[in-house]
N, C-alpha and C. Protein backbone atom coordinates (compact mmCIF):
# COMPACT_ATOMS: atom_id res chain seq x y z
N UNK A 1 29.19 17.02 -15.08
CA UNK A 1 28.44 15.80 -14.87
C UNK A 1 26.95 16.13 -14.86
N UNK A 2 26.18 15.47 -15.70
CA UNK A 2 24.75 15.72 -15.80
C UNK A 2 23.99 15.11 -14.63
N UNK A 3 22.91 15.77 -14.31
CA UNK A 3 22.03 15.20 -13.29
C UNK A 3 21.21 14.09 -13.93
N UNK A 4 21.14 12.93 -13.28
CA UNK A 4 20.31 11.85 -13.84
C UNK A 4 18.82 12.18 -13.70
N UNK A 5 18.05 11.63 -14.62
CA UNK A 5 16.60 11.80 -14.57
C UNK A 5 16.01 10.50 -14.03
N UNK A 6 15.28 10.62 -12.92
CA UNK A 6 14.69 9.44 -12.29
C UNK A 6 13.19 9.65 -12.15
N UNK A 7 12.47 8.54 -11.88
CA UNK A 7 11.02 8.67 -11.74
C UNK A 7 10.66 9.13 -10.32
N UNK A 8 9.39 9.44 -10.12
CA UNK A 8 8.93 10.01 -8.86
C UNK A 8 9.11 9.03 -7.70
N UNK A 9 8.83 7.74 -7.93
CA UNK A 9 8.99 6.76 -6.86
C UNK A 9 10.44 6.69 -6.39
N UNK A 10 11.37 6.71 -7.33
CA UNK A 10 12.79 6.67 -6.97
C UNK A 10 13.17 7.94 -6.20
N UNK A 11 12.69 9.09 -6.66
CA UNK A 11 13.00 10.34 -5.97
C UNK A 11 12.42 10.36 -4.56
N UNK A 12 11.20 9.87 -4.41
CA UNK A 12 10.58 9.83 -3.08
C UNK A 12 11.36 8.91 -2.14
N UNK A 13 11.82 7.78 -2.66
CA UNK A 13 12.56 6.83 -1.83
C UNK A 13 13.92 7.40 -1.42
N UNK A 14 14.61 8.04 -2.34
CA UNK A 14 15.91 8.66 -2.02
C UNK A 14 15.69 9.77 -1.00
N UNK A 15 14.68 10.60 -1.21
CA UNK A 15 14.41 11.70 -0.28
C UNK A 15 14.09 11.16 1.11
N UNK A 16 13.27 10.10 1.18
CA UNK A 16 12.89 9.53 2.48
C UNK A 16 14.13 9.00 3.20
N UNK A 17 15.03 8.36 2.47
CA UNK A 17 16.24 7.83 3.11
C UNK A 17 17.16 8.96 3.55
N UNK A 18 17.35 9.95 2.70
CA UNK A 18 18.22 11.08 3.06
C UNK A 18 17.66 11.83 4.26
N UNK A 19 16.34 11.98 4.31
CA UNK A 19 15.71 12.72 5.40
C UNK A 19 15.92 12.01 6.73
N UNK A 20 15.85 10.66 6.72
CA UNK A 20 16.00 9.90 7.96
C UNK A 20 17.46 9.77 8.38
N UNK A 21 18.34 9.50 7.45
CA UNK A 21 19.73 9.17 7.78
C UNK A 21 20.70 10.32 7.60
N UNK A 22 20.43 11.18 6.62
CA UNK A 22 21.31 12.30 6.30
C UNK A 22 22.74 11.82 6.04
N UNK A 23 22.87 10.64 5.40
CA UNK A 23 24.19 10.08 5.13
C UNK A 23 24.11 9.30 3.81
N UNK A 24 24.46 9.93 2.69
CA UNK A 24 24.31 9.26 1.39
C UNK A 24 25.16 8.00 1.24
N UNK A 25 26.29 7.93 1.93
CA UNK A 25 27.15 6.74 1.79
C UNK A 25 26.45 5.50 2.33
N UNK A 26 25.58 5.65 3.32
CA UNK A 26 24.84 4.50 3.86
C UNK A 26 23.89 3.92 2.81
N UNK A 27 23.22 4.80 2.06
CA UNK A 27 22.31 4.32 1.02
C UNK A 27 23.10 3.60 -0.07
N UNK A 28 24.26 4.13 -0.45
CA UNK A 28 25.10 3.45 -1.44
C UNK A 28 25.57 2.09 -0.93
N UNK A 29 25.93 2.03 0.34
CA UNK A 29 26.37 0.76 0.93
C UNK A 29 25.24 -0.26 0.91
N UNK A 30 24.03 0.16 1.26
CA UNK A 30 22.87 -0.74 1.21
C UNK A 30 22.61 -1.20 -0.22
N UNK A 31 22.76 -0.28 -1.16
CA UNK A 31 22.49 -0.59 -2.57
C UNK A 31 23.45 -1.66 -3.08
N UNK A 32 24.69 -1.62 -2.62
CA UNK A 32 25.70 -2.58 -3.06
C UNK A 32 25.56 -3.91 -2.32
N UNK A 33 25.38 -3.87 -1.00
CA UNK A 33 25.43 -5.08 -0.19
C UNK A 33 24.12 -5.87 -0.12
N UNK A 34 23.00 -5.20 -0.25
CA UNK A 34 21.72 -5.87 -0.01
C UNK A 34 20.84 -5.81 -1.25
N UNK A 35 19.84 -6.67 -1.25
CA UNK A 35 18.88 -6.63 -2.35
C UNK A 35 17.94 -5.45 -2.22
N UNK A 36 17.89 -4.86 -1.03
CA UNK A 36 17.10 -3.66 -0.76
C UNK A 36 15.65 -3.91 -1.14
N UNK A 37 15.11 -5.00 -0.59
CA UNK A 37 13.78 -5.46 -0.97
C UNK A 37 12.68 -4.42 -0.76
N UNK A 38 12.84 -3.52 0.22
CA UNK A 38 11.79 -2.53 0.44
C UNK A 38 11.87 -1.38 -0.57
N UNK A 39 12.91 -1.35 -1.38
CA UNK A 39 13.05 -0.28 -2.38
C UNK A 39 13.41 -0.85 -3.73
N UNK A 40 12.53 -1.67 -4.25
CA UNK A 40 12.78 -2.28 -5.55
C UNK A 40 12.93 -1.24 -6.65
N UNK A 41 12.31 -0.09 -6.47
CA UNK A 41 12.40 0.94 -7.50
C UNK A 41 13.83 1.46 -7.65
N UNK A 42 14.64 1.38 -6.59
CA UNK A 42 16.03 1.84 -6.68
C UNK A 42 16.94 0.82 -7.34
N UNK A 43 16.52 -0.44 -7.41
CA UNK A 43 17.36 -1.47 -8.00
C UNK A 43 17.58 -1.25 -9.49
N UNK A 44 16.69 -0.53 -10.14
CA UNK A 44 16.87 -0.28 -11.57
C UNK A 44 17.94 0.77 -11.84
N UNK A 45 18.38 1.47 -10.79
CA UNK A 45 19.46 2.45 -10.94
C UNK A 45 20.82 1.76 -10.80
N UNK A 46 21.75 2.14 -11.64
CA UNK A 46 23.12 1.63 -11.48
C UNK A 46 23.76 2.33 -10.29
N UNK A 47 24.87 1.79 -9.83
CA UNK A 47 25.58 2.40 -8.71
C UNK A 47 26.03 3.82 -9.07
N UNK A 48 26.48 4.00 -10.31
CA UNK A 48 26.90 5.32 -10.78
C UNK A 48 25.74 6.31 -10.76
N UNK A 49 24.57 5.88 -11.26
CA UNK A 49 23.41 6.77 -11.29
C UNK A 49 22.97 7.15 -9.87
N UNK A 50 22.95 6.17 -8.98
CA UNK A 50 22.55 6.47 -7.60
C UNK A 50 23.53 7.42 -6.93
N UNK A 51 24.84 7.21 -7.17
CA UNK A 51 25.85 8.10 -6.58
C UNK A 51 25.69 9.52 -7.11
N UNK A 52 25.43 9.65 -8.42
CA UNK A 52 25.22 10.99 -8.98
C UNK A 52 23.97 11.64 -8.42
N UNK A 53 22.91 10.84 -8.20
CA UNK A 53 21.69 11.38 -7.59
C UNK A 53 21.98 11.94 -6.21
N UNK A 54 22.79 11.23 -5.44
CA UNK A 54 23.04 11.62 -4.06
C UNK A 54 24.01 12.79 -3.94
N UNK A 55 25.03 12.81 -4.80
CA UNK A 55 26.08 13.82 -4.64
C UNK A 55 25.96 15.00 -5.60
N UNK A 56 25.36 14.80 -6.78
CA UNK A 56 25.23 15.88 -7.76
C UNK A 56 23.81 16.44 -7.74
N UNK A 57 22.84 15.55 -7.56
CA UNK A 57 21.44 15.92 -7.60
C UNK A 57 20.75 15.16 -8.71
N UNK A 58 19.45 15.32 -8.82
CA UNK A 58 18.69 14.59 -9.83
C UNK A 58 17.49 15.42 -10.26
N UNK A 59 16.95 15.04 -11.41
CA UNK A 59 15.72 15.64 -11.90
C UNK A 59 14.66 14.55 -11.97
N UNK A 60 13.45 14.91 -11.65
CA UNK A 60 12.36 13.94 -11.63
C UNK A 60 11.59 14.04 -12.94
N UNK A 61 11.43 12.90 -13.62
CA UNK A 61 10.69 12.90 -14.88
C UNK A 61 9.21 13.11 -14.59
N UNK A 62 8.56 13.76 -15.50
CA UNK A 62 7.15 14.05 -15.34
C UNK A 62 6.37 12.84 -15.85
N UNK A 63 5.56 12.29 -14.96
CA UNK A 63 4.73 11.15 -15.34
C UNK A 63 3.29 11.62 -15.44
N UNK A 64 2.66 11.25 -16.51
CA UNK A 64 1.28 11.67 -16.71
C UNK A 64 0.32 10.66 -16.08
N UNK A 65 -0.74 11.17 -15.55
CA UNK A 65 -1.81 10.36 -14.97
C UNK A 65 -1.33 9.39 -13.91
N UNK A 66 -0.41 9.82 -13.08
CA UNK A 66 0.04 8.99 -11.98
C UNK A 66 -1.06 8.93 -10.92
N UNK A 67 -1.40 7.73 -10.45
CA UNK A 67 -2.48 7.65 -9.47
C UNK A 67 -2.08 8.34 -8.17
N UNK A 68 -2.98 9.13 -7.63
CA UNK A 68 -2.74 9.83 -6.38
C UNK A 68 -3.43 9.07 -5.26
N UNK A 69 -2.72 8.82 -4.20
CA UNK A 69 -3.26 8.10 -3.06
C UNK A 69 -3.37 9.04 -1.87
N UNK A 70 -4.39 8.84 -1.08
CA UNK A 70 -4.61 9.62 0.13
C UNK A 70 -4.96 8.68 1.26
N UNK A 71 -4.76 9.15 2.49
CA UNK A 71 -5.14 8.37 3.66
C UNK A 71 -6.64 8.11 3.60
N UNK A 72 -7.03 6.87 3.83
CA UNK A 72 -8.44 6.47 3.77
C UNK A 72 -8.84 5.80 2.48
N UNK A 73 -7.99 5.86 1.44
CA UNK A 73 -8.31 5.20 0.17
C UNK A 73 -8.32 3.69 0.34
N UNK A 74 -9.22 3.05 -0.39
CA UNK A 74 -9.29 1.58 -0.43
C UNK A 74 -8.39 1.12 -1.57
N UNK A 75 -7.45 0.22 -1.26
CA UNK A 75 -6.47 -0.22 -2.25
C UNK A 75 -6.24 -1.72 -2.16
N UNK A 76 -5.63 -2.26 -3.21
CA UNK A 76 -5.17 -3.64 -3.24
C UNK A 76 -3.66 -3.64 -3.40
N UNK A 77 -3.01 -4.55 -2.69
CA UNK A 77 -1.56 -4.73 -2.78
C UNK A 77 -1.30 -5.63 -3.99
N UNK A 78 -0.50 -5.17 -4.93
CA UNK A 78 -0.32 -5.87 -6.21
C UNK A 78 0.42 -7.19 -6.08
N UNK A 79 1.38 -7.30 -5.17
CA UNK A 79 2.25 -8.47 -5.16
C UNK A 79 1.75 -9.62 -4.30
N UNK A 80 0.77 -9.37 -3.43
CA UNK A 80 0.21 -10.44 -2.62
C UNK A 80 -1.31 -10.31 -2.62
N UNK A 81 -2.00 -11.45 -2.64
CA UNK A 81 -3.45 -11.42 -2.60
C UNK A 81 -3.88 -11.47 -1.14
N UNK A 82 -3.94 -10.31 -0.49
CA UNK A 82 -4.31 -10.24 0.92
C UNK A 82 -5.62 -9.49 1.10
N UNK A 83 -6.37 -9.32 0.05
CA UNK A 83 -7.64 -8.63 0.15
C UNK A 83 -7.48 -7.11 0.06
N UNK A 84 -8.59 -6.45 0.32
CA UNK A 84 -8.60 -4.99 0.24
C UNK A 84 -8.03 -4.40 1.52
N UNK A 85 -7.33 -3.28 1.37
CA UNK A 85 -6.73 -2.58 2.50
C UNK A 85 -7.15 -1.12 2.46
N UNK A 86 -6.95 -0.46 3.58
CA UNK A 86 -7.19 0.98 3.69
C UNK A 86 -5.87 1.64 4.05
N UNK A 87 -5.54 2.73 3.37
CA UNK A 87 -4.30 3.45 3.69
C UNK A 87 -4.52 4.18 5.02
N UNK A 88 -3.65 3.89 6.00
CA UNK A 88 -3.79 4.54 7.31
C UNK A 88 -2.71 5.58 7.57
N UNK A 89 -1.63 5.53 6.78
CA UNK A 89 -0.54 6.50 6.96
C UNK A 89 0.25 6.53 5.67
N UNK A 90 0.77 7.72 5.33
CA UNK A 90 1.51 7.84 4.08
C UNK A 90 2.52 8.97 4.16
N UNK A 91 3.76 8.68 3.69
CA UNK A 91 4.81 9.68 3.62
C UNK A 91 5.78 9.33 2.50
N UNK A 92 6.08 10.26 1.66
CA UNK A 92 7.11 10.14 0.63
C UNK A 92 6.99 8.87 -0.19
N UNK A 93 5.80 8.55 -0.66
CA UNK A 93 5.61 7.39 -1.53
C UNK A 93 5.59 6.06 -0.80
N UNK A 94 5.63 6.09 0.52
CA UNK A 94 5.58 4.88 1.34
C UNK A 94 4.33 4.97 2.21
N UNK A 95 3.56 3.86 2.29
CA UNK A 95 2.35 3.92 3.09
C UNK A 95 2.19 2.68 3.95
N UNK A 96 1.36 2.80 4.96
CA UNK A 96 0.99 1.69 5.82
C UNK A 96 -0.47 1.36 5.54
N UNK A 97 -0.76 0.05 5.46
CA UNK A 97 -2.09 -0.41 5.09
C UNK A 97 -2.70 -1.23 6.21
N UNK A 98 -4.02 -1.08 6.39
CA UNK A 98 -4.76 -1.89 7.34
C UNK A 98 -5.80 -2.69 6.58
N UNK A 99 -5.84 -3.97 6.85
CA UNK A 99 -6.81 -4.87 6.24
C UNK A 99 -6.81 -6.16 7.01
N UNK A 100 -7.02 -7.28 6.31
CA UNK A 100 -6.96 -8.57 6.99
C UNK A 100 -5.55 -8.83 7.50
N UNK A 101 -4.57 -8.24 6.82
CA UNK A 101 -3.17 -8.29 7.23
C UNK A 101 -2.67 -6.86 7.25
N UNK A 102 -1.97 -6.46 8.32
CA UNK A 102 -1.44 -5.10 8.37
C UNK A 102 -0.10 -5.08 7.64
N UNK A 103 0.04 -4.15 6.69
CA UNK A 103 1.26 -4.04 5.91
C UNK A 103 1.89 -2.68 6.18
N UNK A 104 3.22 -2.68 6.35
CA UNK A 104 3.92 -1.42 6.61
C UNK A 104 4.99 -1.19 5.55
N UNK A 105 5.33 0.05 5.33
CA UNK A 105 6.36 0.48 4.38
C UNK A 105 6.14 -0.08 2.97
N UNK A 106 4.94 0.09 2.47
CA UNK A 106 4.58 -0.36 1.13
C UNK A 106 4.73 0.82 0.18
N UNK A 107 5.44 0.62 -0.92
CA UNK A 107 5.60 1.68 -1.91
C UNK A 107 4.30 1.85 -2.69
N UNK A 108 3.98 3.07 -3.02
CA UNK A 108 2.74 3.33 -3.75
C UNK A 108 2.74 2.69 -5.14
N UNK A 109 3.91 2.36 -5.66
CA UNK A 109 3.97 1.68 -6.95
C UNK A 109 3.47 0.25 -6.85
N UNK A 110 3.36 -0.28 -5.63
CA UNK A 110 2.92 -1.66 -5.42
C UNK A 110 1.44 -1.78 -5.04
N UNK A 111 0.70 -0.67 -5.09
CA UNK A 111 -0.72 -0.72 -4.77
C UNK A 111 -1.52 -0.11 -5.90
N UNK A 112 -2.80 -0.45 -5.91
CA UNK A 112 -3.72 0.13 -6.89
C UNK A 112 -5.03 0.44 -6.19
N UNK A 113 -5.75 1.43 -6.72
CA UNK A 113 -7.05 1.77 -6.15
C UNK A 113 -8.03 0.64 -6.39
N UNK A 114 -8.89 0.40 -5.41
CA UNK A 114 -9.97 -0.57 -5.56
C UNK A 114 -11.09 0.06 -6.38
N UNK A 115 -11.72 -0.74 -7.23
CA UNK A 115 -12.85 -0.25 -8.00
C UNK A 115 -14.10 -0.22 -7.13
N UNK A 116 -15.12 0.47 -7.57
CA UNK A 116 -16.37 0.56 -6.80
C UNK A 116 -16.97 -0.83 -6.59
N UNK A 117 -16.95 -1.67 -7.62
CA UNK A 117 -17.53 -3.01 -7.49
C UNK A 117 -16.72 -3.86 -6.50
N UNK A 118 -15.41 -3.69 -6.47
CA UNK A 118 -14.58 -4.42 -5.50
C UNK A 118 -14.87 -3.96 -4.08
N UNK A 119 -15.10 -2.66 -3.89
CA UNK A 119 -15.42 -2.14 -2.56
C UNK A 119 -16.76 -2.71 -2.09
N UNK A 120 -17.77 -2.70 -2.98
CA UNK A 120 -19.09 -3.24 -2.62
C UNK A 120 -18.97 -4.73 -2.30
N UNK A 121 -18.23 -5.47 -3.10
CA UNK A 121 -18.06 -6.91 -2.90
C UNK A 121 -17.36 -7.19 -1.55
N UNK A 122 -16.35 -6.40 -1.23
CA UNK A 122 -15.62 -6.59 0.03
C UNK A 122 -16.52 -6.26 1.22
N UNK A 123 -17.31 -5.20 1.14
CA UNK A 123 -18.23 -4.86 2.22
C UNK A 123 -19.27 -5.95 2.42
N UNK A 124 -19.76 -6.53 1.32
CA UNK A 124 -20.71 -7.64 1.42
C UNK A 124 -20.06 -8.86 2.07
N UNK A 125 -18.83 -9.15 1.69
CA UNK A 125 -18.12 -10.29 2.27
C UNK A 125 -17.93 -10.11 3.78
N UNK A 126 -17.56 -8.89 4.18
CA UNK A 126 -17.36 -8.61 5.61
C UNK A 126 -18.68 -8.70 6.37
N UNK A 127 -19.77 -8.21 5.78
CA UNK A 127 -21.07 -8.28 6.43
C UNK A 127 -21.52 -9.74 6.56
N UNK A 128 -21.33 -10.54 5.50
CA UNK A 128 -21.67 -11.96 5.57
C UNK A 128 -20.88 -12.66 6.67
N UNK A 129 -19.63 -12.30 6.81
CA UNK A 129 -18.79 -12.91 7.85
C UNK A 129 -19.32 -12.56 9.25
N UNK A 130 -19.71 -11.28 9.45
CA UNK A 130 -20.26 -10.87 10.74
C UNK A 130 -21.58 -11.59 11.03
N UNK A 131 -22.45 -11.69 10.01
CA UNK A 131 -23.73 -12.37 10.19
C UNK A 131 -23.52 -13.83 10.53
N UNK A 132 -22.57 -14.48 9.86
CA UNK A 132 -22.28 -15.88 10.16
C UNK A 132 -21.78 -16.05 11.59
N UNK A 133 -20.95 -15.11 12.07
CA UNK A 133 -20.47 -15.20 13.45
C UNK A 133 -21.63 -15.04 14.43
N UNK A 134 -22.56 -14.14 14.15
CA UNK A 134 -23.72 -13.96 15.01
C UNK A 134 -24.60 -15.20 14.96
N UNK A 135 -24.82 -15.73 13.77
CA UNK A 135 -25.68 -16.90 13.56
C UNK A 135 -25.16 -18.10 14.33
N UNK A 136 -23.86 -18.30 14.32
CA UNK A 136 -23.26 -19.45 15.01
C UNK A 136 -23.46 -19.34 16.52
N UNK A 137 -23.41 -18.13 17.06
CA UNK A 137 -23.55 -17.94 18.50
C UNK A 137 -24.99 -18.07 18.99
N UNK A 138 -25.98 -18.05 18.10
CA UNK A 138 -27.38 -18.13 18.51
C UNK A 138 -27.79 -19.57 18.79
N UNK A 139 -28.75 -19.70 19.69
CA UNK A 139 -29.35 -21.02 19.93
C UNK A 139 -30.31 -21.32 18.78
N UNK A 140 -30.84 -22.54 18.75
CA UNK A 140 -31.81 -22.89 17.71
C UNK A 140 -33.03 -21.99 17.77
N UNK A 141 -33.48 -21.69 18.98
CA UNK A 141 -34.63 -20.80 19.16
C UNK A 141 -34.30 -19.40 18.62
N UNK A 142 -33.12 -18.89 18.95
CA UNK A 142 -32.70 -17.57 18.48
C UNK A 142 -32.60 -17.51 16.96
N UNK A 143 -32.12 -18.58 16.36
CA UNK A 143 -32.02 -18.64 14.89
C UNK A 143 -33.40 -18.59 14.25
N UNK A 144 -34.33 -19.36 14.83
CA UNK A 144 -35.70 -19.37 14.29
C UNK A 144 -36.33 -17.99 14.40
N UNK A 145 -36.16 -17.33 15.55
CA UNK A 145 -36.73 -16.00 15.73
C UNK A 145 -36.12 -14.99 14.76
N UNK A 146 -34.81 -15.05 14.60
CA UNK A 146 -34.16 -14.14 13.66
C UNK A 146 -34.64 -14.39 12.23
N UNK A 147 -34.77 -15.66 11.85
CA UNK A 147 -35.24 -16.01 10.52
C UNK A 147 -36.66 -15.48 10.28
N UNK A 148 -37.52 -15.65 11.29
CA UNK A 148 -38.90 -15.17 11.16
C UNK A 148 -38.92 -13.66 10.97
N UNK A 149 -38.11 -12.94 11.73
CA UNK A 149 -38.06 -11.47 11.60
C UNK A 149 -37.59 -11.06 10.23
N UNK A 150 -36.58 -11.74 9.71
CA UNK A 150 -36.05 -11.40 8.40
C UNK A 150 -37.06 -11.69 7.30
N UNK A 151 -37.76 -12.82 7.43
CA UNK A 151 -38.75 -13.20 6.41
C UNK A 151 -39.93 -12.24 6.42
N UNK A 152 -40.39 -11.86 7.62
CA UNK A 152 -41.54 -10.96 7.72
C UNK A 152 -41.15 -9.51 7.46
N UNK A 153 -39.86 -9.21 7.56
CA UNK A 153 -39.42 -7.85 7.37
C UNK A 153 -39.52 -7.01 8.63
N UNK A 154 -39.56 -7.66 9.81
CA UNK A 154 -39.67 -6.95 11.09
C UNK A 154 -38.28 -6.57 11.60
N UNK A 155 -37.59 -5.79 10.86
CA UNK A 155 -36.26 -5.39 11.32
C UNK A 155 -36.08 -3.90 11.20
């Protein structure tokens, strides 16, 4: 029986499950009974292929130019428009993101690196939000004084 060839995301997900549970039959049971929404990459495998991966072994196909993610990278979640996030934790192709919404157990196949212009735009948006919060809390006198300082450049 030949070892199936799977991609890196699938291998990382199988390894993560085996490492936590150490019971391949549980992963097969989940694969059959549930949609396994947190592991969409495994859904492309047939039951036979997944069983062979677990009991015979597998080979990982070499993917060229696969994006590498590290803790602290600024990323966007591909499936939901929740703004820019920062990777705060990562293991075996699964990461946790912090942003306007905290996301956990996100597969690296579902995120992309933020571009420099997106990072600058997001920082400007956050700064504008902070300034607006400060501006709202000021009295009319405080607003006038702040405006005068900004116009004169006394900051």
